[in-house]
C-alpha atoms as a PDB file:
ATOM      1  CA  UNK A   1      48.748 -98.571-114.925  1.00  0.00           C
ATOM      2  CA  UNK A   2      52.661 -97.451-115.518  1.00  0.00           C
ATOM      3  CA  UNK A   3      52.048 -96.215-112.286  1.00  0.00           C
ATOM      4  CA  UNK A   4      50.343 -98.918-111.002  1.00  0.00           C
ATOM      5  CA  UNK A   5      52.285-101.810-112.111  1.00  0.00           C
ATOM      6  CA  UNK A   6      55.542 -99.490-110.869  1.00  0.00           C
ATOM      7  CA  UNK A   7      53.633-100.137-107.648  1.00  0.00           C
ATOM      8  CA  UNK A   8      52.720-104.060-108.006  1.00  0.00           C
ATOM      9  CA  UNK A   9      56.520-104.348-108.609  1.00  0.00           C
ATOM     10  CA  UNK A  10      58.644-102.463-106.712  1.00  0.00           C
ATOM     11  CA  UNK A  11      61.772-104.147-104.769  1.00  0.00           C
ATOM     12  CA  UNK A  12      63.026-101.330-103.536  1.00  0.00           C
ATOM     13  CA  UNK A  13      61.241-101.950 -99.900  1.00  0.00           C
ATOM     14  CA  UNK A  14      63.257 -98.607 -98.319  1.00  0.00           C
ATOM     15  CA  UNK A  15      62.257 -96.425-101.031  1.00  0.00           C
ATOM     16  CA  UNK A  16      58.764 -98.343-102.571  1.00  0.00           C
ATOM     17  CA  UNK A  17      55.584 -97.972-100.733  1.00  0.00           C
ATOM     18  CA  UNK A  18      55.331 -99.879 -97.723  1.00  0.00           C
ATOM     19  CA  UNK A  19      51.322-101.165 -97.407  1.00  0.00           C
ATOM     20  CA  UNK A  20      50.004-104.806 -97.615  1.00  0.00           C
ATOM     21  CA  UNK A  21      47.415-106.048 -99.931  1.00  0.00           C
ATOM     22  CA  UNK A  22      45.363-108.903 -98.548  1.00  0.00           C
ATOM     23  CA  UNK A  23      44.337-110.707-101.786  1.00  0.00           C
ATOM     24  CA  UNK A  24      43.117-113.600 -99.918  1.00  0.00           C
ATOM     25  CA  UNK A  25      40.568-111.839 -97.489  1.00  0.00           C
ATOM     26  CA  UNK A  26      40.174-108.632-100.186  1.00  0.00           C
ATOM     27  CA  UNK A  27      36.145-107.916-100.447  1.00  0.00           C
ATOM     28  CA  UNK A  28      35.027-104.947-102.240  1.00  0.00           C
ATOM     29  CA  UNK A  29      33.543-101.818-100.446  1.00  0.00           C
ATOM     30  CA  UNK A  30      29.963-100.139-101.301  1.00  0.00           C
ATOM     31  CA  UNK A  31      31.934 -97.305-103.219  1.00  0.00           C
ATOM     32  CA  UNK A  32      33.829-100.331-105.337  1.00  0.00           C
ATOM     33  CA  UNK A  33      30.932-102.497-105.680  1.00  0.00           C
ATOM     34  CA  UNK A  34      29.338-101.335-109.605  1.00  0.00           C
ATOM     35  CA  UNK A  35      32.991-101.539-110.739  1.00  0.00           C
ATOM     36  CA  UNK A  36      33.737-104.793-108.923  1.00  0.00           C
ATOM     37  CA  UNK A  37      30.487-106.771-110.153  1.00  0.00           C
ATOM     38  CA  UNK A  38      31.653-105.926-113.641  1.00  0.00           C
ATOM     39  CA  UNK A  39      34.607-107.008-113.895  1.00  0.00           C
ATOM     40  CA  UNK A  40      33.867-110.170-111.819  1.00  0.00           C
ATOM     41  CA  UNK A  41      31.451-111.080-114.951  1.00  0.00           C
ATOM     42  CA  UNK A  42      33.808-110.981-116.989  1.00  0.00           C
ATOM     43  CA  UNK A  43      36.791-112.968-114.789  1.00  0.00           C
ATOM     44  CA  UNK A  44      34.307-115.992-113.768  1.00  0.00           C
ATOM     45  CA  UNK A  45      34.664-116.828-117.408  1.00  0.00           C
ATOM     46  CA  UNK A  46      38.049-116.552-117.767  1.00  0.00           C
ATOM     47  CA  UNK A  47      38.799-120.009-116.531  1.00  0.00           C
ATOM     48  CA  UNK A  48      37.179-121.637-118.813  1.00  0.00           C
ATOM     49  CA  UNK A  49      38.370-120.107-121.394  1.00  0.00           C
ATOM     50  CA  UNK A  50      42.129-120.675-120.195  1.00  0.00           C
ATOM     51  CA  UNK A  51      40.639-124.855-120.349  1.00  0.00           C
ATOM     52  CA  UNK A  52      39.058-124.436-123.415  1.00  0.00           C
ATOM     53  CA  UNK A  53      42.420-122.847-124.969  1.00  0.00           C
ATOM     54  CA  UNK A  54      44.643-125.805-123.219  1.00  0.00           C
ATOM     55  CA  UNK A  55      42.602-127.978-125.019  1.00  0.00           C
ATOM     56  CA  UNK A  56      42.304-127.080-127.984  1.00  0.00           C
ATOM     57  CA  UNK A  57      44.053-129.823-130.799  1.00  0.00           C
ATOM     58  CA  UNK A  58      43.135-127.764-134.059  1.00  0.00           C
ATOM     59  CA  UNK A  59      42.498-130.161-137.372  1.00  0.00           C
ATOM     60  CA  UNK A  60      45.525-130.451-137.752  1.00  0.00           C
ATOM     61  CA  UNK A  61      45.776-133.896-140.048  1.00  0.00           C
ATOM     62  CA  UNK A  62      41.963-133.344-141.522  1.00  0.00           C
ATOM     63  CA  UNK A  63      43.642-130.403-143.450  1.00  0.00           C
ATOM     64  CA  UNK A  64      46.536-131.601-144.371  1.00  0.00           C
ATOM     65  CA  UNK A  65      44.864-134.256-146.185  1.00  0.00           C
ATOM     66  CA  UNK A  66      42.421-131.954-147.720  1.00  0.00           C
ATOM     67  CA  UNK A  67      45.294-130.438-148.853  1.00  0.00           C
ATOM     68  CA  UNK A  68      47.126-133.323-150.047  1.00  0.00           C
ATOM     69  CA  UNK A  69      43.953-135.071-151.805  1.00  0.00           C
ATOM     70  CA  UNK A  70      42.818-131.329-153.488  1.00  0.00           C
ATOM     71  CA  UNK A  71      39.728-133.525-155.422  1.00  0.00           C
ATOM     72  CA  UNK A  72      38.644-135.764-153.243  1.00  0.00           C
ATOM     73  CA  UNK A  73      35.717-134.043-151.919  1.00  0.00           C
ATOM     74  CA  UNK A  74      35.340-136.065-148.971  1.00  0.00           C
ATOM     75  CA  UNK A  75      38.790-135.396-147.198  1.00  0.00           C
ATOM     76  CA  UNK A  76      37.310-131.586-148.125  1.00  0.00           C
ATOM     77  CA  UNK A  77      34.257-131.637-146.297  1.00  0.00           C
ATOM     78  CA  UNK A  78      35.697-133.503-143.256  1.00  0.00           C
ATOM     79  CA  UNK A  79      38.198-131.309-143.168  1.00  0.00           C
ATOM     80  CA  UNK A  80      35.764-128.023-143.204  1.00  0.00           C
ATOM     81  CA  UNK A  81      33.205-129.637-140.956  1.00  0.00           C
ATOM     82  CA  UNK A  82      36.545-130.382-138.664  1.00  0.00           C
ATOM     83  CA  UNK A  83      37.516-126.204-138.933  1.00  0.00           C
ATOM     84  CA  UNK A  84      34.762-124.237-138.366  1.00  0.00           C
ATOM     85  CA  UNK A  85      33.855-125.438-134.589  1.00  0.00           C
ATOM     86  CA  UNK A  86      37.184-125.196-133.515  1.00  0.00           C
ATOM     87  CA  UNK A  87      37.258-121.397-135.511  1.00  0.00           C
ATOM     88  CA  UNK A  88      33.855-120.759-133.334  1.00  0.00           C
ATOM     89  CA  UNK A  89      35.806-121.579-130.686  1.00  0.00           C
ATOM     90  CA  UNK A  90      38.800-118.456-131.364  1.00  0.00           C
ATOM     91  CA  UNK A  91      35.454-116.524-132.058  1.00  0.00           C
ATOM     92  CA  UNK A  92      34.700-117.055-127.902  1.00  0.00           C
ATOM     93  CA  UNK A  93      38.153-116.206-126.929  1.00  0.00           C
ATOM     94  CA  UNK A  94      38.346-113.079-129.486  1.00  0.00           C
ATOM     95  CA  UNK A  95      35.003-112.101-128.144  1.00  0.00           C
ATOM     96  CA  UNK A  96      36.288-112.239-124.559  1.00  0.00           C
ATOM     97  CA  UNK A  97      39.728-110.074-124.553  1.00  0.00           C
ATOM     98  CA  UNK A  98      36.877-106.949-126.599  1.00  0.00           C
ATOM     99  CA  UNK A  99      35.075-108.150-123.206  1.00  0.00           C
ATOM    100  CA  UNK A 100      38.227-108.471-121.076  1.00  0.00           C
ATOM    101  CA  UNK A 101      39.515-104.738-122.175  1.00  0.00           C
ATOM    102  CA  UNK A 102      35.926-103.207-121.538  1.00  0.00           C
ATOM    103  CA  UNK A 103      36.574-104.421-117.890  1.00  0.00           C
ATOM    104  CA  UNK A 104      40.039-103.414-117.615  1.00  0.00           C
ATOM    105  CA  UNK A 105      39.380-100.286-118.958  1.00  0.00           C
ATOM    106  CA  UNK A 106      36.104 -99.455-116.013  1.00  0.00           C
ATOM    107  CA  UNK A 107      39.673-100.293-113.671  1.00  0.00           C
ATOM    108  CA  UNK A 108      41.182 -97.962-114.728  1.00  0.00           C
ATOM    109  CA  UNK A 109      39.161 -95.248-114.516  1.00  0.00           C
ATOM    110  CA  UNK A 110      38.579 -96.656-110.833  1.00  0.00           C
ATOM    111  CA  UNK A 111      41.958 -96.727-109.547  1.00  0.00           C
ATOM    112  CA  UNK A 112      43.515 -94.190-111.255  1.00  0.00           C
ATOM    113  CA  UNK A 113      40.524 -91.339-109.983  1.00  0.00           C
ATOM    114  CA  UNK A 114      41.567 -88.213-107.878  1.00  0.00           C
ATOM    115  CA  UNK A 115      41.754 -87.180-105.518  1.00  0.00           C
ATOM    116  CA  UNK A 116      44.273 -90.404-105.006  1.00  0.00           C
ATOM    117  CA  UNK A 117      47.203 -91.493-105.903  1.00  0.00           C
ATOM    118  CA  UNK A 118      47.881 -94.956-107.088  1.00  0.00           C
ATOM    119  CA  UNK A 119      49.325 -96.382-103.499  1.00  0.00           C
ATOM    120  CA  UNK A 120      46.268 -94.592-101.827  1.00  0.00           C
ATOM    121  CA  UNK A 121      44.241 -96.380-104.405  1.00  0.00           C
ATOM    122  CA  UNK A 122      45.667 -99.476-104.037  1.00  0.00           C
ATOM    123  CA  UNK A 123      45.512 -99.347 -99.874  1.00  0.00           C
ATOM    124  CA  UNK A 124      41.240 -98.832-100.067  1.00  0.00           C
ATOM    125  CA  UNK A 125      40.475-100.761-102.653  1.00  0.00           C
ATOM    126  CA  UNK A 126      42.045-103.821-102.608  1.00  0.00           C
ATOM    127  CA  UNK A 127      39.677-105.729-104.420  1.00  0.00           C
ATOM    128  CA  UNK A 128      39.550-103.730-107.397  1.00  0.00           C
ATOM    129  CA  UNK A 129      43.150-103.871-107.404  1.00  0.00           C
ATOM    130  CA  UNK A 130      43.246-107.584-106.901  1.00  0.00           C
ATOM    131  CA  UNK A 131      41.083-107.928-109.960  1.00  0.00           C
ATOM    132  CA  UNK A 132      43.584-105.485-111.942  1.00  0.00           C
ATOM    133  CA  UNK A 133      46.140-108.321-111.086  1.00  0.00           C
ATOM    134  CA  UNK A 134      43.947-111.503-112.227  1.00  0.00           C
ATOM    135  CA  UNK A 135      43.627-110.266-115.544  1.00  0.00           C
ATOM    136  CA  UNK A 136      47.292-109.583-115.891  1.00  0.00           C
ATOM    137  CA  UNK A 137      48.088-113.439-114.792  1.00  0.00           C
ATOM    138  CA  UNK A 138      45.219-114.173-117.439  1.00  0.00           C
ATOM    139  CA  UNK A 139      46.998-112.262-119.623  1.00  0.00           C
ATOM    140  CA  UNK A 140      50.203-113.774-119.480  1.00  0.00           C
ATOM    141  CA  UNK A 141      48.554-117.500-119.205  1.00  0.00           C
ATOM    142  CA  UNK A 142      46.545-116.967-122.319  1.00  0.00           C
ATOM    143  CA  UNK A 143      49.301-115.612-124.565  1.00  0.00           C
ATOM    144  CA  UNK A 144      51.122-118.482-122.719  1.00  0.00           C
ATOM    145  CA  UNK A 145      49.158-121.091-124.079  1.00  0.00           C
ATOM    146  CA  UNK A 146      48.936-119.335-127.399  1.00  0.00           C
ATOM    147  CA  UNK A 147      52.584-118.901-128.045  1.00  0.00           C
ATOM    148  CA  UNK A 148      52.334-122.498-127.926  1.00  0.00           C
ATOM    149  CA  UNK A 149      49.843-123.629-129.955  1.00  0.00           C
ATOM    150  CA  UNK A 150      50.535-123.161-133.984  1.00  0.00           C
ATOM    151  CA  UNK A 151      47.338-124.657-134.916  1.00  0.00           C
ATOM    152  CA  UNK A 152      45.982-121.821-134.216  1.00  0.00           C
ATOM    153  CA  UNK A 153      46.286-119.402-136.469  1.00  0.00           C
ATOM    154  CA  UNK A 154      46.909-122.703-139.301  1.00  0.00           C
ATOM    155  CA  UNK A 155      43.345-123.483-138.762  1.00  0.00           C
ATOM    156  CA  UNK A 156      42.096-120.183-138.763  1.00  0.00           C
ATOM    157  CA  UNK A 157      44.396-119.545-141.889  1.00  0.00           C
ATOM    158  CA  UNK A 158      42.839-122.192-144.148  1.00  0.00           C
ATOM    159  CA  UNK A 159      39.356-121.534-142.315  1.00  0.00           C
ATOM    160  CA  UNK A 160      39.623-118.095-144.506  1.00  0.00           C
ATOM    161  CA  UNK A 161      41.247-119.422-147.837  1.00  0.00           C
ATOM    162  CA  UNK A 162      38.755-121.964-147.585  1.00  0.00           C
ATOM    163  CA  UNK A 163      36.126-119.804-147.521  1.00  0.00           C
ATOM    164  CA  UNK A 164      37.403-117.307-150.305  1.00  0.00           C
ATOM    165  CA  UNK A 165      37.733-120.562-152.531  1.00  0.00           C
ATOM    166  CA  UNK A 166      33.715-121.015-151.656  1.00  0.00           C
ATOM    167  CA  UNK A 167      33.116-117.894-151.889  1.00  0.00           C
ATOM    168  CA  UNK A 168      34.577-117.086-155.739  1.00  0.00           C
ATOM    169  CA  UNK A 169      32.807-120.725-156.538  1.00  0.00           C
ATOM    170  CA  UNK A 170      29.456-119.769-154.846  1.00  0.00           C
ATOM    171  CA  UNK A 171      29.653-122.271-152.553  1.00  0.00           C
ATOM    172  CA  UNK A 172      27.779-121.596-149.397  1.00  0.00           C
ATOM    173  CA  UNK A 173      29.671-122.058-147.055  1.00  0.00           C
ATOM    174  CA  UNK A 174      28.757-123.384-143.390  1.00  0.00           C
ATOM    175  CA  UNK A 175      30.030-120.774-140.306  1.00  0.00           C
ATOM    176  CA  UNK A 176      30.188-118.156-142.940  1.00  0.00           C
ATOM    177  CA  UNK A 177      27.303-116.590-141.043  1.00  0.00           C
ATOM    178  CA  UNK A 178      28.933-116.702-137.897  1.00  0.00           C
ATOM    179  CA  UNK A 179      32.568-115.079-138.832  1.00  0.00           C
ATOM    180  CA  UNK A 180      31.610-112.782-141.121  1.00  0.00           C
ATOM    181  CA  UNK A 181      34.651-110.799-143.075  1.00  0.00           C
ATOM    182  CA  UNK A 182      34.300-108.158-140.909  1.00  0.00           C
ATOM    183  CA  UNK A 183      35.487-109.745-138.130  1.00  0.00           C
ATOM    184  CA  UNK A 184      37.742-112.136-139.722  1.00  0.00           C
ATOM    185  CA  UNK A 185      40.133-109.292-140.279  1.00  0.00           C
ATOM    186  CA  UNK A 186      39.711-108.405-136.458  1.00  0.00           C
ATOM    187  CA  UNK A 187      40.610-112.156-136.194  1.00  0.00           C
ATOM    188  CA  UNK A 188      43.065-112.594-138.314  1.00  0.00           C
ATOM    189  CA  UNK A 189      44.507-108.808-136.522  1.00  0.00           C
ATOM    190  CA  UNK A 190      44.643-110.485-133.017  1.00  0.00           C
ATOM    191  CA  UNK A 191      46.120-114.159-133.965  1.00  0.00           C
ATOM    192  CA  UNK A 192      48.643-112.564-135.969  1.00  0.00           C
ATOM    193  CA  UNK A 193      50.196-110.646-132.399  1.00  0.00           C
ATOM    194  CA  UNK A 194      52.578-113.561-130.746  1.00  0.00           C
ATOM    195  CA  UNK A 195      50.947-111.632-127.161  1.00  0.00           C
ATOM    196  CA  UNK A 196      47.562-111.318-129.040  1.00  0.00           C
ATOM    197  CA  UNK A 197      45.967-110.525-125.161  1.00  0.00           C
ATOM    198  CA  UNK A 198      49.065-108.336-123.633  1.00  0.00           C
ATOM    199  CA  UNK A 199      48.992-106.566-127.237  1.00  0.00           C
ATOM    200  CA  UNK A 200      45.167-105.899-126.442  1.00  0.00           C
ATOM    201  CA  UNK A 201      45.240-104.596-122.904  1.00  0.00           C
ATOM    202  CA  UNK A 202      47.940-102.495-123.729  1.00  0.00           C
ATOM    203  CA  UNK A 203      46.630-100.878-126.802  1.00  0.00           C
ATOM    204  CA  UNK A 204      43.056-100.426-124.579  1.00  0.00           C
ATOM    205  CA  UNK A 205      45.623 -98.369-121.178  1.00  0.00           C
ATOM    206  CA  UNK A 206      47.416 -96.542-123.565  1.00  0.00           C
ATOM    207  CA  UNK A 207      43.635 -94.880-125.393  1.00  0.00           C
ATOM    208  CA  UNK A 208      42.982 -94.964-121.823  1.00  0.00           C
ATOM    209  CA  UNK A 209      45.049 -92.528-120.889  1.00  0.00           C
ATOM    210  CA  UNK A 210      44.794 -90.270-124.029  1.00  0.00           C
ATOM    211  CA  UNK A 211      41.294 -89.908-123.262  1.00  0.00           C
ATOM    212  CA  UNK A 212      42.971 -88.935-119.661  1.00  0.00           C
ATOM    213  CA  UNK A 213      45.084 -86.426-120.968  1.00  0.00           C
ATOM    214  CA  UNK A 214      42.658 -85.287-124.012  1.00  0.00           C
ATOM    215  CA  UNK A 215      39.843 -84.396-121.354  1.00  0.00           C
ATOM    216  CA  UNK A 216      42.535 -82.115-119.255  1.00  0.00           C
ATOM    217  CA  UNK A 217      43.395 -80.792-122.362  1.00  0.00           C
ATOM    218  CA  UNK A 218      39.936 -79.373-122.932  1.00  0.00           C
ATOM    219  CA  UNK A 219      38.750 -78.597-119.570  1.00  0.00           C
ATOM    220  CA  UNK A 220      42.206 -76.298-119.131  1.00  0.00           C
ATOM    221  CA  UNK A 221      41.478 -74.238-122.465  1.00  0.00           C
ATOM    222  CA  UNK A 222      37.806 -74.239-122.078  1.00  0.00           C
ATOM    223  CA  UNK A 223      38.414 -72.380-118.527  1.00  0.00           C
ATOM    224  CA  UNK A 224      40.210 -69.458-120.792  1.00  0.00           C
ATOM    225  CA  UNK A 225      38.143 -66.390-122.480  1.00  0.00           C
ATOM    226  CA  UNK A 226      36.674 -67.828-125.818  1.00  0.00           C
ATOM    227  CA  UNK A 227      38.035 -65.553-127.927  1.00  0.00           C
ATOM    228  CA  UNK A 228      42.016 -66.636-127.257  1.00  0.00           C
ATOM    229  CA  UNK A 229      42.170 -70.783-127.245  1.00  0.00           C
ATOM    230  CA  UNK A 230      38.697 -71.459-130.170  1.00  0.00           C
ATOM    231  CA  UNK A 231      41.959 -72.127-132.617  1.00  0.00           C
ATOM    232  CA  UNK A 232      43.104 -74.305-130.505  1.00  0.00           C
ATOM    233  CA  UNK A 233      39.845 -76.372-129.437  1.00  0.00           C
ATOM    234  CA  UNK A 234      39.196 -76.158-133.276  1.00  0.00           C
ATOM    235  CA  UNK A 235      42.255 -77.600-133.783  1.00  0.00           C
ATOM    236  CA  UNK A 236      41.155 -80.414-131.189  1.00  0.00           C
ATOM    237  CA  UNK A 237      38.118 -81.433-132.620  1.00  0.00           C
ATOM    238  CA  UNK A 238      39.613 -80.936-136.601  1.00  0.00           C
ATOM    239  CA  UNK A 239      42.789 -82.713-136.187  1.00  0.00           C
ATOM    240  CA  UNK A 240      42.118 -85.736-133.914  1.00  0.00           C
ATOM    241  CA  UNK A 241      42.398 -89.151-135.117  1.00  0.00           C
ATOM    242  CA  UNK A 242      40.622 -91.104-134.040  1.00  0.00           C
ATOM    243  CA  UNK A 243      37.917 -88.955-132.122  1.00  0.00           C
ATOM    244  CA  UNK A 244      34.728 -89.857-134.376  1.00  0.00           C
ATOM    245  CA  UNK A 245      35.533 -93.355-133.071  1.00  0.00           C
ATOM    246  CA  UNK A 246      32.948 -95.805-132.213  1.00  0.00           C
ATOM    247  CA  UNK A 247      34.735 -96.382-128.658  1.00  0.00           C
ATOM    248  CA  UNK A 248      36.313 -92.976-128.054  1.00  0.00           C
ATOM    249  CA  UNK A 249      34.383 -91.647-124.631  1.00  0.00           C
ATOM    250  CA  UNK A 250      31.105 -89.868-125.092  1.00  0.00           C
ATOM    251  CA  UNK A 251      32.338 -86.866-122.780  1.00  0.00           C
ATOM    252  CA  UNK A 252      35.252 -86.548-124.731  1.00  0.00           C
ATOM    253  CA  UNK A 253      33.145 -85.519-127.920  1.00  0.00           C
ATOM    254  CA  UNK A 254      30.398 -83.551-126.076  1.00  0.00           C
ATOM    255  CA  UNK A 255      33.249 -81.572-124.648  1.00  0.00           C
ATOM    256  CA  UNK A 256      33.516 -80.404-128.154  1.00  0.00           C
ATOM    257  CA  UNK A 257      30.610 -80.064-129.446  1.00  0.00           C
END
């Protein structure tokens, strides 16, 4: 991804790549269509996500009233009723980040595969290059809107505090099933970031690059006489931190079996 970004942001016309990206008219070729269609399904929802985020107003007034009058059950119920649907929106934003991460990984695989260089990929697969740029554009817009809206973290913090209090008091909580504790923890980490969407995609890119390097290492080792490299393969099997994670490539797992 670093090489792709260098190509896209190159300002030295004499030393940099010299080609034309026709984003306005770019159409997927037959070779691009599978990845293009998968990514397009995700990108179709991107504008709606931004519109929902831009119109997010929060429940600040209701929360303040509930905090200032802790014994007033009517105000507690009113604040909870205002926060629950907003948390549903925050859940939708978070789940979209996971879909976008998956789409990015597909694009990175297509735009960095051998035998072509990143520049050659951008020349040959301009529809995918356009989608890559659209993901970056969406990411910047999403994070800009999130950074300027403190209500997001305030609402979610109130939701978690109130939900915890309800559990302690054995009070049934509307909306608890929609955002369980595990999901709430992941959402909390996501929204705690100043630029959560960029962080998600940056982490996905780092993991993608690591997997590419890992595949290359395993392939080189497997091409050597077994007796001379078994110790190194065992080191990869038993010391690789994320080998058994659900998100780790099945191909890497099978290569180390």
